[in-house]
N, C-alpha and C. Protein backbone atom coordinates (compact mmCIF):
# COMPACT_ATOMS: atom_id res chain seq x y z
N MET A 1 17.96 -8.24 -3.36
CA MET A 1 17.73 -7.14 -2.40
C MET A 1 16.85 -6.06 -3.01
N LYS A 2 17.09 -5.75 -4.30
CA LYS A 2 16.29 -4.73 -4.97
C LYS A 2 14.83 -5.15 -5.04
N LYS A 3 14.59 -6.44 -5.27
CA LYS A 3 13.22 -6.94 -5.34
C LYS A 3 12.50 -6.76 -4.01
N ILE A 4 13.23 -7.00 -2.92
CA ILE A 4 12.64 -6.85 -1.58
C ILE A 4 12.29 -5.39 -1.32
N ILE A 5 13.21 -4.49 -1.68
CA ILE A 5 12.97 -3.05 -1.48
C ILE A 5 11.77 -2.58 -2.31
N ARG A 6 11.70 -3.07 -3.55
CA ARG A 6 10.59 -2.69 -4.41
C ARG A 6 9.24 -3.19 -3.90
N ALA A 7 9.27 -4.30 -3.18
CA ALA A 7 8.02 -4.89 -2.68
C ALA A 7 7.53 -4.24 -1.39
N ILE A 8 8.39 -3.47 -0.70
CA ILE A 8 8.03 -2.90 0.60
C ILE A 8 6.76 -2.04 0.56
N PRO A 9 6.62 -1.08 -0.40
CA PRO A 9 5.38 -0.27 -0.41
C PRO A 9 4.12 -1.10 -0.54
N ALA A 10 4.14 -2.09 -1.44
CA ALA A 10 2.96 -2.93 -1.64
C ALA A 10 2.67 -3.77 -0.40
N VAL A 11 3.71 -4.29 0.25
CA VAL A 11 3.53 -5.08 1.47
C VAL A 11 2.94 -4.22 2.58
N LEU A 12 3.41 -2.99 2.69
CA LEU A 12 2.87 -2.06 3.70
C LEU A 12 1.38 -1.81 3.46
N LEU A 13 1.01 -1.63 2.19
CA LEU A 13 -0.40 -1.39 1.87
C LEU A 13 -1.22 -2.65 2.17
N LEU A 14 -0.66 -3.80 1.83
CA LEU A 14 -1.34 -5.07 2.10
C LEU A 14 -1.62 -5.25 3.59
N ALA A 15 -0.63 -4.87 4.41
CA ALA A 15 -0.74 -5.06 5.86
C ALA A 15 -1.41 -3.88 6.57
N LEU A 16 -1.75 -2.81 5.84
CA LEU A 16 -2.22 -1.57 6.46
C LEU A 16 -3.37 -1.76 7.45
N PRO A 17 -4.49 -2.39 7.08
CA PRO A 17 -5.59 -2.50 8.06
C PRO A 17 -5.21 -3.31 9.29
N TYR A 18 -4.42 -4.35 9.09
CA TYR A 18 -4.01 -5.20 10.21
C TYR A 18 -2.97 -4.47 11.08
N LEU A 19 -2.14 -3.67 10.43
CA LEU A 19 -1.15 -2.86 11.15
C LEU A 19 -1.85 -1.85 12.06
N LEU A 20 -2.89 -1.22 11.54
CA LEU A 20 -3.63 -0.24 12.34
C LEU A 20 -4.37 -0.91 13.50
N MET A 21 -4.89 -2.12 13.27
CA MET A 21 -5.55 -2.85 14.36
C MET A 21 -4.58 -3.16 15.49
N VAL A 22 -3.39 -3.62 15.12
CA VAL A 22 -2.36 -3.93 16.12
C VAL A 22 -1.94 -2.67 16.85
N TRP A 23 -1.76 -1.58 16.08
CA TRP A 23 -1.36 -0.29 16.65
C TRP A 23 -2.33 0.17 17.73
N LEU A 24 -3.63 0.13 17.42
CA LEU A 24 -4.64 0.56 18.39
C LEU A 24 -4.79 -0.44 19.53
N GLY A 25 -4.61 -1.72 19.22
CA GLY A 25 -4.70 -2.75 20.26
C GLY A 25 -3.61 -2.61 21.30
N VAL A 26 -2.38 -2.39 20.85
CA VAL A 26 -1.25 -2.21 21.77
C VAL A 26 -1.43 -0.95 22.59
N ALA A 27 -1.87 0.14 21.92
CA ALA A 27 -2.11 1.40 22.64
C ALA A 27 -3.19 1.22 23.69
N GLY A 28 -4.23 0.44 23.36
CA GLY A 28 -5.29 0.19 24.32
C GLY A 28 -4.82 -0.58 25.54
N MET A 29 -3.95 -1.57 25.30
CA MET A 29 -3.42 -2.36 26.42
C MET A 29 -2.52 -1.50 27.31
N LEU A 30 -1.74 -0.60 26.68
CA LEU A 30 -0.85 0.26 27.46
C LEU A 30 -1.63 1.26 28.31
N SER A 31 -2.84 1.59 27.89
CA SER A 31 -3.62 2.60 28.61
C SER A 31 -4.45 2.00 29.75
N GLU A 32 -4.34 0.66 29.92
CA GLU A 32 -5.09 0.00 30.98
C GLU A 32 -4.16 -0.41 32.13
N THR A 33 -4.71 -0.45 33.33
CA THR A 33 -3.96 -0.94 34.49
C THR A 33 -4.81 -1.98 35.22
N GLU A 34 -4.14 -2.94 35.82
CA GLU A 34 -4.83 -4.00 36.55
C GLU A 34 -5.22 -3.53 37.94
N LEU A 35 -6.48 -3.75 38.29
CA LEU A 35 -6.93 -3.40 39.63
C LEU A 35 -6.42 -4.43 40.63
N PRO A 36 -5.95 -3.99 41.77
CA PRO A 36 -5.41 -4.94 42.75
C PRO A 36 -6.48 -5.87 43.31
N GLY A 37 -6.14 -7.11 43.44
CA GLY A 37 -7.03 -8.06 44.11
C GLY A 37 -7.92 -8.86 43.19
N ASP A 38 -8.75 -8.18 42.35
CA ASP A 38 -9.74 -8.93 41.58
C ASP A 38 -9.29 -9.28 40.16
N GLY A 39 -8.14 -8.80 39.73
CA GLY A 39 -7.62 -9.16 38.41
C GLY A 39 -8.31 -8.49 37.24
N THR A 40 -9.18 -7.51 37.48
CA THR A 40 -9.84 -6.79 36.39
C THR A 40 -8.99 -5.59 35.99
N TYR A 41 -9.36 -5.02 34.82
CA TYR A 41 -8.58 -3.90 34.30
C TYR A 41 -9.47 -2.67 34.17
N THR A 42 -8.85 -1.52 34.29
CA THR A 42 -9.56 -0.26 34.09
C THR A 42 -8.64 0.71 33.37
N LEU A 43 -9.22 1.74 32.80
CA LEU A 43 -8.41 2.75 32.13
C LEU A 43 -7.65 3.58 33.16
N ASP A 44 -6.38 3.73 32.93
CA ASP A 44 -5.54 4.55 33.79
C ASP A 44 -5.67 6.00 33.34
N ALA A 45 -6.12 6.86 34.21
CA ALA A 45 -6.32 8.26 33.84
C ALA A 45 -5.03 8.90 33.37
N GLY A 46 -3.92 8.46 33.92
CA GLY A 46 -2.63 9.02 33.53
C GLY A 46 -2.14 8.51 32.20
N MET A 47 -2.61 7.29 31.77
CA MET A 47 -2.12 6.68 30.54
C MET A 47 -3.13 6.75 29.39
N VAL A 48 -4.35 7.19 29.67
CA VAL A 48 -5.38 7.22 28.64
C VAL A 48 -4.98 8.11 27.47
N ASP A 49 -4.10 9.07 27.73
CA ASP A 49 -3.63 9.96 26.67
C ASP A 49 -2.86 9.19 25.61
N ILE A 50 -2.27 8.06 25.98
CA ILE A 50 -1.53 7.22 25.02
C ILE A 50 -2.46 6.77 23.90
N TYR A 51 -3.63 6.27 24.30
CA TYR A 51 -4.58 5.79 23.30
C TYR A 51 -5.10 6.93 22.43
N ASP A 52 -5.34 8.08 23.05
CA ASP A 52 -5.82 9.23 22.27
C ASP A 52 -4.80 9.64 21.22
N LYS A 53 -3.52 9.67 21.60
CA LYS A 53 -2.47 10.04 20.65
C LYS A 53 -2.33 8.98 19.56
N ALA A 54 -2.43 7.71 19.95
CA ALA A 54 -2.34 6.62 18.98
C ALA A 54 -3.50 6.71 17.98
N PHE A 55 -4.69 7.02 18.48
CA PHE A 55 -5.86 7.13 17.60
C PHE A 55 -5.69 8.28 16.62
N ARG A 56 -5.13 9.39 17.10
CA ARG A 56 -4.91 10.55 16.21
C ARG A 56 -3.84 10.26 15.16
N MET A 57 -2.97 9.29 15.43
CA MET A 57 -1.91 8.94 14.49
C MET A 57 -2.41 8.04 13.36
N VAL A 58 -3.58 7.43 13.53
CA VAL A 58 -4.10 6.50 12.52
C VAL A 58 -4.23 7.15 11.14
N PRO A 59 -4.88 8.32 11.01
CA PRO A 59 -4.96 8.96 9.69
C PRO A 59 -3.59 9.28 9.10
N VAL A 60 -2.65 9.66 9.97
CA VAL A 60 -1.30 10.00 9.50
C VAL A 60 -0.62 8.76 8.91
N ILE A 61 -0.71 7.63 9.63
CA ILE A 61 -0.11 6.38 9.14
C ILE A 61 -0.75 5.98 7.81
N TYR A 62 -2.07 6.09 7.76
CA TYR A 62 -2.80 5.73 6.54
C TYR A 62 -2.35 6.59 5.36
N ILE A 63 -2.34 7.90 5.54
CA ILE A 63 -1.98 8.83 4.46
C ILE A 63 -0.55 8.60 3.99
N VAL A 64 0.38 8.41 4.93
CA VAL A 64 1.79 8.20 4.58
C VAL A 64 1.96 6.94 3.72
N ILE A 65 1.35 5.83 4.16
CA ILE A 65 1.49 4.57 3.42
C ILE A 65 0.83 4.66 2.04
N VAL A 66 -0.33 5.28 1.97
CA VAL A 66 -1.01 5.43 0.67
C VAL A 66 -0.20 6.33 -0.27
N LEU A 67 0.33 7.44 0.24
CA LEU A 67 1.14 8.33 -0.60
C LEU A 67 2.40 7.64 -1.10
N ILE A 68 3.03 6.86 -0.23
CA ILE A 68 4.23 6.10 -0.65
C ILE A 68 3.87 5.17 -1.81
N ASN A 69 2.72 4.52 -1.71
CA ASN A 69 2.29 3.61 -2.76
C ASN A 69 1.94 4.33 -4.06
N VAL A 70 1.30 5.50 -3.95
CA VAL A 70 0.95 6.26 -5.15
C VAL A 70 2.23 6.70 -5.88
N ILE A 71 3.19 7.24 -5.13
CA ILE A 71 4.46 7.68 -5.73
C ILE A 71 5.20 6.49 -6.33
N TRP A 72 5.24 5.38 -5.60
CA TRP A 72 5.91 4.17 -6.05
C TRP A 72 5.26 3.63 -7.33
N LEU A 73 3.92 3.66 -7.37
CA LEU A 73 3.20 3.17 -8.55
C LEU A 73 3.49 4.02 -9.78
N ILE A 74 3.45 5.34 -9.60
CA ILE A 74 3.72 6.24 -10.73
C ILE A 74 5.12 6.01 -11.26
N TYR A 75 6.09 5.91 -10.35
CA TYR A 75 7.48 5.70 -10.76
C TYR A 75 7.67 4.36 -11.46
N GLN A 76 7.14 3.29 -10.85
CA GLN A 76 7.34 1.95 -11.40
C GLN A 76 6.62 1.78 -12.74
N THR A 77 5.44 2.36 -12.86
CA THR A 77 4.71 2.27 -14.12
C THR A 77 5.45 3.02 -15.22
N ALA A 78 5.97 4.21 -14.88
CA ALA A 78 6.72 5.01 -15.85
C ALA A 78 8.04 4.34 -16.23
N SER A 79 8.66 3.65 -15.27
CA SER A 79 9.97 3.03 -15.53
C SER A 79 9.85 1.65 -16.17
N GLY A 80 8.62 1.18 -16.38
CA GLY A 80 8.44 -0.05 -17.15
C GLY A 80 8.14 -1.31 -16.37
N MET A 81 7.66 -1.19 -15.13
CA MET A 81 7.28 -2.41 -14.41
C MET A 81 6.18 -3.13 -15.19
N SER A 82 6.28 -4.44 -15.28
CA SER A 82 5.35 -5.22 -16.10
C SER A 82 3.93 -5.17 -15.52
N ALA A 83 2.97 -5.30 -16.41
CA ALA A 83 1.57 -5.34 -16.00
C ALA A 83 1.31 -6.55 -15.12
N GLN A 84 2.02 -7.64 -15.40
CA GLN A 84 1.80 -8.85 -14.61
C GLN A 84 2.14 -8.63 -13.14
N LYS A 85 3.23 -7.92 -12.86
CA LYS A 85 3.61 -7.65 -11.47
C LYS A 85 2.61 -6.72 -10.79
N LEU A 86 2.20 -5.68 -11.51
CA LEU A 86 1.23 -4.74 -10.94
C LEU A 86 -0.09 -5.43 -10.64
N LEU A 87 -0.54 -6.26 -11.57
CA LEU A 87 -1.82 -6.96 -11.37
C LEU A 87 -1.71 -8.07 -10.33
N PHE A 88 -0.50 -8.62 -10.17
CA PHE A 88 -0.30 -9.61 -9.11
C PHE A 88 -0.48 -8.97 -7.74
N TRP A 89 0.15 -7.80 -7.52
CA TRP A 89 0.02 -7.10 -6.24
C TRP A 89 -1.43 -6.65 -6.03
N ASN A 90 -2.06 -6.19 -7.10
CA ASN A 90 -3.47 -5.79 -7.01
C ASN A 90 -4.33 -6.96 -6.53
N MET A 91 -4.14 -8.12 -7.14
CA MET A 91 -4.91 -9.31 -6.77
C MET A 91 -4.62 -9.74 -5.34
N LEU A 92 -3.33 -9.75 -4.96
CA LEU A 92 -2.95 -10.21 -3.62
C LEU A 92 -3.50 -9.28 -2.54
N ILE A 93 -3.39 -7.97 -2.75
CA ILE A 93 -3.89 -7.01 -1.76
C ILE A 93 -5.40 -7.15 -1.59
N LYS A 94 -6.12 -7.26 -2.71
CA LYS A 94 -7.58 -7.37 -2.63
C LYS A 94 -8.00 -8.66 -1.92
N LEU A 95 -7.30 -9.75 -2.17
CA LEU A 95 -7.63 -11.02 -1.51
C LEU A 95 -7.35 -10.93 0.00
N CYS A 96 -6.24 -10.26 0.36
CA CYS A 96 -5.90 -10.13 1.78
C CYS A 96 -6.83 -9.18 2.52
N TYR A 97 -7.53 -8.31 1.79
CA TYR A 97 -8.46 -7.37 2.40
C TYR A 97 -9.85 -7.98 2.62
N ILE A 98 -10.10 -9.17 2.07
CA ILE A 98 -11.44 -9.77 2.19
C ILE A 98 -11.88 -9.91 3.64
N PRO A 99 -11.04 -10.41 4.58
CA PRO A 99 -11.48 -10.51 5.98
C PRO A 99 -11.88 -9.16 6.58
N VAL A 100 -11.17 -8.09 6.20
CA VAL A 100 -11.47 -6.75 6.71
C VAL A 100 -12.85 -6.31 6.24
N PHE A 101 -13.12 -6.48 4.95
CA PHE A 101 -14.41 -6.08 4.40
C PHE A 101 -15.54 -6.96 4.95
N PHE A 102 -15.25 -8.24 5.15
CA PHE A 102 -16.26 -9.15 5.69
C PHE A 102 -16.64 -8.73 7.11
N PHE A 103 -15.63 -8.40 7.93
CA PHE A 103 -15.89 -7.94 9.30
C PHE A 103 -16.68 -6.64 9.29
N ALA A 104 -16.29 -5.70 8.42
CA ALA A 104 -16.99 -4.41 8.33
C ALA A 104 -18.44 -4.62 7.88
N PHE A 105 -18.65 -5.56 6.96
CA PHE A 105 -20.01 -5.85 6.48
C PHE A 105 -20.87 -6.41 7.61
N LEU A 106 -20.32 -7.33 8.40
CA LEU A 106 -21.06 -7.89 9.53
C LEU A 106 -21.39 -6.81 10.56
N ALA A 107 -20.43 -5.91 10.79
CA ALA A 107 -20.65 -4.81 11.73
C ALA A 107 -21.76 -3.88 11.23
N MET A 108 -21.82 -3.67 9.91
CA MET A 108 -22.88 -2.85 9.33
C MET A 108 -24.24 -3.51 9.53
N LEU A 109 -24.29 -4.83 9.33
CA LEU A 109 -25.54 -5.55 9.54
C LEU A 109 -26.00 -5.43 11.00
N ALA A 110 -25.02 -5.53 11.92
CA ALA A 110 -25.34 -5.39 13.34
C ALA A 110 -25.86 -3.98 13.63
N GLY A 111 -25.28 -2.99 12.98
CA GLY A 111 -25.72 -1.61 13.15
C GLY A 111 -27.13 -1.40 12.64
N PHE A 112 -27.44 -2.00 11.47
CA PHE A 112 -28.79 -1.90 10.93
C PHE A 112 -29.81 -2.57 11.85
N ALA A 113 -29.38 -3.66 12.49
CA ALA A 113 -30.30 -4.43 13.34
C ALA A 113 -30.70 -3.68 14.61
N THR A 114 -29.87 -2.75 15.08
CA THR A 114 -30.16 -2.07 16.35
C THR A 114 -31.19 -0.97 16.19
N PHE A 115 -31.21 -0.27 15.05
CA PHE A 115 -32.13 0.85 14.81
C PHE A 115 -31.97 1.95 15.86
N LEU A 116 -30.78 2.08 16.41
CA LEU A 116 -30.51 3.12 17.39
C LEU A 116 -29.46 4.07 16.84
N VAL A 117 -29.26 5.20 17.57
CA VAL A 117 -28.26 6.18 17.13
C VAL A 117 -26.89 5.54 17.05
N GLY A 118 -26.57 4.70 18.03
CA GLY A 118 -25.28 4.01 18.02
C GLY A 118 -25.14 3.09 16.84
N GLY A 119 -26.24 2.44 16.44
CA GLY A 119 -26.23 1.55 15.28
C GLY A 119 -25.99 2.31 13.99
N ILE A 120 -26.64 3.47 13.87
CA ILE A 120 -26.45 4.31 12.67
C ILE A 120 -25.01 4.79 12.59
N ALA A 121 -24.45 5.17 13.73
CA ALA A 121 -23.06 5.62 13.76
C ALA A 121 -22.12 4.49 13.35
N MET A 122 -22.43 3.26 13.78
CA MET A 122 -21.61 2.11 13.42
C MET A 122 -21.67 1.84 11.92
N VAL A 123 -22.86 1.96 11.35
CA VAL A 123 -23.02 1.74 9.90
C VAL A 123 -22.19 2.76 9.12
N ILE A 124 -22.27 4.03 9.52
CA ILE A 124 -21.51 5.08 8.83
C ILE A 124 -20.01 4.85 8.98
N ALA A 125 -19.59 4.49 10.20
CA ALA A 125 -18.17 4.26 10.46
C ALA A 125 -17.64 3.10 9.62
N MET A 126 -18.39 1.99 9.56
CA MET A 126 -17.96 0.82 8.79
C MET A 126 -17.95 1.11 7.30
N ALA A 127 -18.92 1.91 6.84
CA ALA A 127 -18.95 2.28 5.42
C ALA A 127 -17.72 3.11 5.05
N LEU A 128 -17.33 4.02 5.94
CA LEU A 128 -16.13 4.83 5.71
C LEU A 128 -14.87 3.97 5.72
N ILE A 129 -14.82 3.01 6.65
CA ILE A 129 -13.66 2.11 6.72
C ILE A 129 -13.54 1.30 5.43
N MET A 130 -14.66 0.79 4.94
CA MET A 130 -14.64 0.03 3.69
C MET A 130 -14.17 0.90 2.53
N LEU A 131 -14.59 2.15 2.53
CA LEU A 131 -14.22 3.06 1.44
C LEU A 131 -12.74 3.38 1.46
N VAL A 132 -12.20 3.72 2.64
CA VAL A 132 -10.79 4.13 2.71
C VAL A 132 -9.83 2.97 2.42
N PHE A 133 -10.28 1.73 2.68
CA PHE A 133 -9.42 0.59 2.37
C PHE A 133 -9.69 0.02 0.98
N PHE A 134 -10.78 0.48 0.35
CA PHE A 134 -11.11 0.00 -0.99
C PHE A 134 -10.36 0.78 -2.07
N ILE A 135 -10.20 2.08 -1.85
CA ILE A 135 -9.64 2.95 -2.90
C ILE A 135 -8.17 2.66 -3.24
N PRO A 136 -7.23 2.59 -2.26
CA PRO A 136 -5.82 2.44 -2.61
C PRO A 136 -5.47 1.24 -3.51
N PRO A 137 -6.00 0.02 -3.24
CA PRO A 137 -5.66 -1.09 -4.14
C PRO A 137 -6.13 -0.89 -5.57
N CYS A 138 -7.17 -0.06 -5.76
CA CYS A 138 -7.66 0.20 -7.12
C CYS A 138 -6.58 0.83 -7.99
N PHE A 139 -5.68 1.61 -7.37
CA PHE A 139 -4.59 2.22 -8.13
C PHE A 139 -3.76 1.16 -8.84
N TYR A 140 -3.51 0.05 -8.13
CA TYR A 140 -2.72 -1.04 -8.73
C TYR A 140 -3.44 -1.64 -9.93
N GLY A 141 -4.75 -1.86 -9.78
CA GLY A 141 -5.52 -2.45 -10.86
C GLY A 141 -5.56 -1.55 -12.09
N VAL A 142 -5.81 -0.27 -11.88
CA VAL A 142 -5.89 0.68 -12.99
C VAL A 142 -4.54 0.81 -13.69
N CYS A 143 -3.45 0.97 -12.90
CA CYS A 143 -2.10 1.08 -13.49
C CYS A 143 -1.72 -0.20 -14.21
N GLY A 144 -2.10 -1.35 -13.64
CA GLY A 144 -1.80 -2.63 -14.29
C GLY A 144 -2.51 -2.76 -15.62
N CYS A 145 -3.77 -2.32 -15.70
CA CYS A 145 -4.52 -2.38 -16.95
C CYS A 145 -3.93 -1.43 -18.00
N ILE A 146 -3.52 -0.24 -17.56
CA ILE A 146 -2.88 0.72 -18.48
C ILE A 146 -1.60 0.12 -19.05
N ARG A 147 -0.82 -0.48 -18.17
CA ARG A 147 0.45 -1.09 -18.59
C ARG A 147 0.20 -2.27 -19.53
N ALA A 148 -0.83 -3.07 -19.23
CA ALA A 148 -1.15 -4.23 -20.06
C ALA A 148 -1.56 -3.79 -21.47
N ALA A 149 -2.30 -2.68 -21.57
CA ALA A 149 -2.70 -2.17 -22.88
C ALA A 149 -1.46 -1.72 -23.68
N LYS A 150 -0.50 -1.10 -23.01
CA LYS A 150 0.73 -0.66 -23.69
C LYS A 150 1.58 -1.85 -24.12
N GLU A 151 1.60 -2.90 -23.30
CA GLU A 151 2.39 -4.09 -23.63
C GLU A 151 1.71 -4.94 -24.70
N GLY A 152 0.41 -4.78 -24.85
CA GLY A 152 -0.34 -5.60 -25.78
C GLY A 152 -0.78 -6.92 -25.19
N THR A 153 -0.64 -7.06 -23.86
CA THR A 153 -1.08 -8.30 -23.21
C THR A 153 -2.58 -8.29 -22.93
N LEU A 154 -3.19 -7.12 -23.05
CA LEU A 154 -4.65 -7.01 -22.98
C LEU A 154 -5.10 -6.10 -24.12
N ASN A 155 -6.21 -6.46 -24.72
CA ASN A 155 -6.83 -5.59 -25.72
C ASN A 155 -7.16 -4.24 -25.07
N LYS A 156 -6.96 -3.15 -25.80
CA LYS A 156 -7.16 -1.82 -25.22
C LYS A 156 -8.58 -1.62 -24.70
N ALA A 157 -9.56 -2.06 -25.45
CA ALA A 157 -10.95 -1.91 -25.00
C ALA A 157 -11.20 -2.72 -23.74
N LEU A 158 -10.66 -3.94 -23.71
CA LEU A 158 -10.82 -4.80 -22.54
C LEU A 158 -10.09 -4.22 -21.34
N ALA A 159 -8.93 -3.62 -21.58
CA ALA A 159 -8.16 -3.00 -20.50
C ALA A 159 -8.94 -1.85 -19.87
N VAL A 160 -9.63 -1.07 -20.70
CA VAL A 160 -10.45 0.05 -20.19
C VAL A 160 -11.60 -0.49 -19.34
N VAL A 161 -12.26 -1.53 -19.82
CA VAL A 161 -13.38 -2.14 -19.08
C VAL A 161 -12.89 -2.69 -17.75
N PHE A 162 -11.76 -3.40 -17.76
CA PHE A 162 -11.20 -3.95 -16.54
C PHE A 162 -10.81 -2.85 -15.55
N ALA A 163 -10.24 -1.75 -16.07
CA ALA A 163 -9.84 -0.63 -15.20
C ALA A 163 -11.06 -0.04 -14.50
N ILE A 164 -12.18 0.06 -15.21
CA ILE A 164 -13.41 0.59 -14.61
C ILE A 164 -13.96 -0.39 -13.58
N LEU A 165 -13.99 -1.68 -13.92
CA LEU A 165 -14.54 -2.69 -13.02
C LEU A 165 -13.69 -2.87 -11.76
N HIS A 166 -12.41 -2.50 -11.84
CA HIS A 166 -11.55 -2.55 -10.65
C HIS A 166 -12.02 -1.57 -9.57
N CYS A 167 -12.84 -0.62 -9.95
CA CYS A 167 -13.29 0.40 -9.01
C CYS A 167 -14.73 0.15 -8.54
N ILE A 168 -15.24 -1.05 -8.76
CA ILE A 168 -16.59 -1.41 -8.32
C ILE A 168 -16.48 -2.52 -7.28
N GLY A 169 -17.06 -2.28 -6.11
CA GLY A 169 -16.95 -3.22 -5.01
C GLY A 169 -17.44 -4.62 -5.35
N CYS A 170 -16.81 -5.61 -4.77
CA CYS A 170 -17.11 -7.05 -4.94
C CYS A 170 -16.65 -7.55 -6.32
N ILE A 171 -17.09 -6.84 -7.37
CA ILE A 171 -16.67 -7.25 -8.72
C ILE A 171 -15.16 -7.11 -8.87
N ASP A 172 -14.58 -6.14 -8.16
CA ASP A 172 -13.15 -5.84 -8.31
C ASP A 172 -12.28 -7.05 -7.97
N VAL A 173 -12.68 -7.87 -7.01
CA VAL A 173 -11.86 -9.03 -6.63
C VAL A 173 -11.82 -10.05 -7.76
N MET A 174 -12.99 -10.32 -8.34
CA MET A 174 -13.05 -11.27 -9.47
C MET A 174 -12.27 -10.75 -10.67
N ILE A 175 -12.42 -9.45 -10.96
CA ILE A 175 -11.72 -8.85 -12.09
C ILE A 175 -10.21 -8.86 -11.85
N ALA A 176 -9.80 -8.65 -10.60
CA ALA A 176 -8.37 -8.68 -10.28
C ALA A 176 -7.77 -10.04 -10.61
N ILE A 177 -8.49 -11.10 -10.28
CA ILE A 177 -8.01 -12.46 -10.56
C ILE A 177 -8.01 -12.73 -12.06
N VAL A 178 -9.11 -12.36 -12.73
CA VAL A 178 -9.23 -12.60 -14.18
C VAL A 178 -8.17 -11.83 -14.95
N ALA A 179 -7.98 -10.54 -14.61
CA ALA A 179 -7.00 -9.71 -15.33
C ALA A 179 -5.59 -10.27 -15.17
N TYR A 180 -5.24 -10.65 -13.94
CA TYR A 180 -3.90 -11.21 -13.71
C TYR A 180 -3.71 -12.50 -14.50
N CYS A 181 -4.69 -13.40 -14.46
CA CYS A 181 -4.57 -14.68 -15.17
C CYS A 181 -4.47 -14.48 -16.68
N MET A 182 -5.23 -13.53 -17.22
CA MET A 182 -5.18 -13.27 -18.67
C MET A 182 -3.84 -12.70 -19.09
N VAL A 183 -3.31 -11.75 -18.31
CA VAL A 183 -2.02 -11.15 -18.65
C VAL A 183 -0.90 -12.19 -18.50
N ARG A 184 -0.97 -12.99 -17.46
CA ARG A 184 0.04 -14.03 -17.26
C ARG A 184 0.01 -15.05 -18.41
N SER A 185 -1.20 -15.46 -18.82
CA SER A 185 -1.34 -16.40 -19.93
C SER A 185 -0.81 -15.80 -21.22
N SER A 186 -1.10 -14.51 -21.45
CA SER A 186 -0.61 -13.83 -22.65
C SER A 186 0.91 -13.77 -22.67
N ASN A 187 1.52 -13.48 -21.51
CA ASN A 187 2.98 -13.43 -21.42
C ASN A 187 3.61 -14.80 -21.67
N LYS A 188 2.96 -15.86 -21.16
CA LYS A 188 3.48 -17.22 -21.37
C LYS A 188 3.43 -17.60 -22.85
N LYS A 189 2.33 -17.26 -23.52
CA LYS A 189 2.22 -17.55 -24.95
C LYS A 189 3.26 -16.77 -25.75
N ARG A 190 3.46 -15.52 -25.36
CA ARG A 190 4.44 -14.70 -26.07
C ARG A 190 5.85 -15.26 -25.88
N LEU A 191 6.18 -15.63 -24.65
CA LEU A 191 7.50 -16.20 -24.36
C LEU A 191 7.69 -17.53 -25.08
N SER A 192 6.64 -18.37 -25.09
CA SER A 192 6.73 -19.65 -25.79
C SER A 192 6.94 -19.44 -27.28
N GLY A 193 6.24 -18.45 -27.86
CA GLY A 193 6.41 -18.15 -29.28
C GLY A 193 7.81 -17.67 -29.60
N GLN A 194 8.38 -16.83 -28.73
CA GLN A 194 9.74 -16.35 -28.95
C GLN A 194 10.76 -17.48 -28.87
N MET A 195 10.56 -18.39 -27.91
CA MET A 195 11.48 -19.52 -27.76
C MET A 195 11.41 -20.45 -28.97
N ASN A 196 10.20 -20.70 -29.48
CA ASN A 196 10.04 -21.55 -30.66
C ASN A 196 10.67 -20.92 -31.89
N ALA A 197 10.49 -19.58 -32.01
CA ALA A 197 11.07 -18.87 -33.16
C ALA A 197 12.59 -18.91 -33.10
N ASN A 198 13.15 -18.71 -31.89
CA ASN A 198 14.61 -18.74 -31.74
C ASN A 198 15.15 -20.13 -32.02
N THR A 199 14.44 -21.16 -31.56
CA THR A 199 14.87 -22.53 -31.80
C THR A 199 14.85 -22.84 -33.29
N TYR A 200 13.81 -22.38 -33.98
CA TYR A 200 13.69 -22.60 -35.42
C TYR A 200 14.84 -21.92 -36.16
N TYR A 201 15.13 -20.72 -35.78
CA TYR A 201 16.19 -19.96 -36.46
C TYR A 201 17.56 -20.56 -36.21
N ASN A 202 17.78 -21.09 -35.02
CA ASN A 202 19.09 -21.63 -34.66
C ASN A 202 19.36 -23.01 -35.24
N GLY A 203 18.40 -23.59 -35.96
CA GLY A 203 18.69 -24.82 -36.68
C GLY A 203 17.88 -26.03 -36.29
N THR A 204 16.99 -25.93 -35.32
CA THR A 204 16.15 -27.07 -34.98
C THR A 204 14.70 -26.63 -34.89
N ILE A 205 13.82 -27.52 -35.27
CA ILE A 205 12.40 -27.21 -35.22
C ILE A 205 11.73 -28.22 -34.29
N GLY A 206 11.34 -27.77 -33.11
CA GLY A 206 10.56 -28.60 -32.20
C GLY A 206 11.22 -29.91 -31.84
N ASN A 207 10.95 -30.97 -32.61
CA ASN A 207 11.41 -32.30 -32.23
C ASN A 207 12.75 -32.70 -32.86
N GLY A 208 13.52 -31.74 -33.34
CA GLY A 208 14.88 -32.04 -33.78
C GLY A 208 15.11 -31.95 -35.27
N TYR A 209 14.08 -31.65 -36.06
CA TYR A 209 14.30 -31.50 -37.49
C TYR A 209 15.10 -30.23 -37.76
N PRO A 210 16.02 -30.28 -38.73
CA PRO A 210 16.84 -29.09 -39.00
C PRO A 210 16.01 -27.95 -39.58
N GLY A 211 16.25 -26.75 -39.11
CA GLY A 211 15.58 -25.58 -39.64
C GLY A 211 16.39 -24.96 -40.75
N ASN A 212 15.77 -24.05 -41.51
CA ASN A 212 16.49 -23.41 -42.61
C ASN A 212 17.02 -22.04 -42.23
N GLY A 213 16.75 -21.61 -40.99
CA GLY A 213 17.37 -20.38 -40.50
C GLY A 213 16.80 -19.10 -41.04
N TYR A 214 15.60 -19.10 -41.62
CA TYR A 214 15.07 -17.84 -42.15
C TYR A 214 14.10 -17.16 -41.22
N MET A 215 13.77 -17.80 -40.09
CA MET A 215 12.85 -17.19 -39.14
C MET A 215 13.59 -16.75 -37.89
N ARG A 216 13.16 -15.63 -37.33
CA ARG A 216 13.75 -15.13 -36.07
C ARG A 216 12.68 -15.14 -35.01
């Protein structure tokens, strides 16, 4: 149960762009009414305020979820959450955001192609959307790299480089995968070494030869 509760902030951040899309989509459907006879829909003057209120709530939802994640990250990093877990969430969130960034990129290309005021506005809007959804996951990557340096699962210089690269678009996804795989591999080697040392000390070495008990 504790694991589920701990995962809630990260899951909310992961689902944030899709949650906002559903939120605005539902509000849009509620603000429409079906015209009698022809089956078409139009905006209901009495219900259009629903969509306006829903749209104004978008920044509030975004800020609340991001703040929850920032507070959660600071607490978990200070209380000793492993770098592997932090980097896992960082990698998962960035991978789940790829469709959002891909759609925004296509919309920007469409905006550039129009060369009109509406196209310029679309380019600016999509650039802002990419920025606001790019920044929050970077917190996970940076905190994960800091934690990895403290644990010794990443070299300090490499951890600094990875933390910086986590804040550069496109490269951040590759670095998220590489950092997680390196930390996971380092943890596996460390665990394997501890198990071999314990086995040696307890009287057996690997394939059953008796140990002399001087190693821990």
